Amino acid sequence: MNSGEAQIEKLIGQALAPYSERPDAEGVVRLTAALITSGQALHAQVSATPPGRRTERAHAALTEWSYFVDAGPTGRGDHAAWNHARVLARILRNMLATVEQQSSRVR
C-alpha cells in the first residue's frame, strides 16, 4: 500500500467511525470534500480498466460513486451530511480494494 492509499484508508476510517466519534458539521464538510477528492483519483484508475476486465464490484462502485457524488446528501442537516460521507467512504473502500487487487496482479 502506498502513502496515497494509506491516506485514503485513514479518511475511510474517519468516515466510518462510530456515531459518537462523528466530527462537527464543519469537520463533516471537510471530510466529505477529502473523500470526493481522493475518490475522483481512484475513480479514474478504476475507469481506466477495460469494462470486460472489471469485476462486478468495480462496476457497481463506479456507478454508485457517480450517483452519490452528483446527488449529494439526501435530506438536510448534519445527520444527512454525515450519512452521505459514510456512503462515499464505503464506495471508496470498494474502489480502493479494486485498485489494490489490480496492482497485486501486476506484480
Protein backbone atom coordinates (compact mmCIF):
# COMPACT_ATOMS: atom_id res chain seq x y z
CA MET A 1 0.00 0.00 0.00
CA ASN A 2 1.43 3.38 -0.99
CA SER A 3 1.10 6.60 1.01
CA GLY A 4 -1.87 7.80 -1.06
CA GLU A 5 -3.73 4.57 -0.38
CA ALA A 6 -2.85 4.82 3.31
CA GLN A 7 -4.28 8.35 3.40
CA ILE A 8 -7.48 7.10 1.76
CA GLU A 9 -7.71 4.30 4.34
CA LYS A 10 -7.41 6.94 7.06
CA LEU A 11 -10.23 9.01 5.54
CA ILE A 12 -12.41 5.91 5.25
CA GLY A 13 -11.75 5.11 8.89
CA GLN A 14 -12.73 8.62 9.94
CA ALA A 15 -15.97 8.45 7.97
CA LEU A 16 -16.89 5.00 9.24
CA ALA A 17 -16.13 5.81 12.87
CA PRO A 18 -18.90 5.26 15.40
CA TYR A 19 -21.55 7.94 15.59
CA SER A 20 -20.18 9.07 18.94
CA GLU A 21 -16.91 9.98 17.19
CA ARG A 22 -18.57 11.94 14.39
CA PRO A 23 -16.84 15.22 13.59
CA ASP A 24 -18.69 18.51 13.96
CA ALA A 25 -20.60 19.88 10.96
CA GLU A 26 -17.56 21.69 9.52
CA GLY A 27 -15.45 18.58 10.01
CA VAL A 28 -18.00 16.50 8.08
CA VAL A 29 -17.87 19.01 5.22
CA ARG A 30 -14.05 18.83 5.15
CA LEU A 31 -14.12 15.03 5.37
CA THR A 32 -16.64 14.79 2.54
CA ALA A 33 -14.52 17.08 0.36
CA ALA A 34 -11.42 14.98 1.07
CA LEU A 35 -13.32 11.76 0.29
CA ILE A 36 -14.53 13.19 -3.02
CA THR A 37 -11.06 14.44 -3.99
CA SER A 38 -9.49 11.08 -3.20
CA GLY A 39 -12.35 9.23 -4.81
CA GLN A 40 -12.05 11.10 -8.10
CA ALA A 41 -8.48 9.87 -8.49
CA LEU A 42 -9.47 6.29 -7.68
CA HIS A 43 -12.50 6.57 -9.96
CA ALA A 44 -10.16 7.50 -12.82
CA GLN A 45 -7.93 4.49 -12.08
CA VAL A 46 -10.83 2.04 -11.93
CA SER A 47 -12.46 3.60 -15.01
CA ALA A 48 -9.23 3.05 -16.95
CA THR A 49 -9.70 -0.70 -16.59
CA PRO A 50 -11.34 -2.08 -19.72
CA PRO A 51 -15.01 -2.87 -18.98
CA GLY A 52 -14.53 -6.54 -19.80
CA ARG A 53 -11.84 -6.82 -17.12
CA ARG A 54 -13.76 -5.02 -14.35
CA THR A 55 -15.30 -7.04 -11.59
CA GLU A 56 -18.95 -6.62 -10.74
CA ARG A 57 -17.83 -4.89 -7.55
CA ALA A 58 -15.76 -2.39 -9.54
CA HIS A 59 -18.59 -1.68 -11.97
CA ALA A 60 -21.02 -1.11 -9.09
CA ALA A 61 -18.55 1.17 -7.28
CA LEU A 62 -18.12 3.33 -10.40
CA THR A 63 -21.87 3.64 -10.89
CA GLU A 64 -22.59 4.33 -7.22
CA TRP A 65 -19.76 6.84 -6.93
CA SER A 66 -21.05 8.92 -9.82
CA TYR A 67 -24.60 8.82 -8.46
CA PHE A 68 -23.80 9.73 -4.86
CA VAL A 69 -21.27 12.45 -5.71
CA ASP A 70 -23.80 14.06 -8.06
CA ALA A 71 -26.79 13.57 -5.73
CA GLY A 72 -25.16 14.87 -2.57
CA PRO A 73 -26.77 14.27 0.81
CA THR A 74 -30.35 13.08 0.75
CA GLY A 75 -32.01 15.28 3.29
CA ARG A 76 -30.99 18.29 5.28
CA GLY A 77 -28.90 18.80 8.32
CA ASP A 78 -25.83 17.37 9.95
CA HIS A 79 -27.08 13.79 10.06
CA ALA A 80 -27.75 13.69 6.31
CA ALA A 81 -24.29 15.11 5.59
CA TRP A 82 -22.70 12.52 7.91
CA ASN A 83 -24.60 9.67 6.24
CA HIS A 84 -23.51 10.93 2.84
CA ALA A 85 -19.86 10.93 3.90
CA ARG A 86 -20.26 7.38 5.19
CA VAL A 87 -21.79 6.18 1.92
CA LEU A 88 -18.94 7.77 -0.03
CA ALA A 89 -16.44 6.07 2.28
CA ARG A 90 -17.99 2.64 1.69
CA ILE A 91 -17.88 3.12 -2.07
CA LEU A 92 -14.33 4.45 -1.84
CA ARG A 93 -13.37 1.34 0.13
CA ASN A 94 -14.64 -0.81 -2.76
CA MET A 95 -12.74 1.23 -5.35
CA LEU A 96 -9.58 1.05 -3.23
CA ALA A 97 -9.90 -2.72 -2.95
CA THR A 98 -10.25 -2.90 -6.72
CA VAL A 99 -7.10 -0.82 -7.28
CA GLU A 100 -5.16 -2.88 -4.75
CA GLN A 101 -6.36 -6.08 -6.38
CA GLN A 102 -5.30 -4.84 -9.82
CA SER A 103 -1.87 -3.76 -8.58
CA SER A 104 -1.27 -7.14 -6.93
CA ARG A 105 -1.99 -8.84 -10.27
CA VAL A 106 0.63 -6.70 -11.99
CA ARG A 107 3.40 -7.62 -9.53
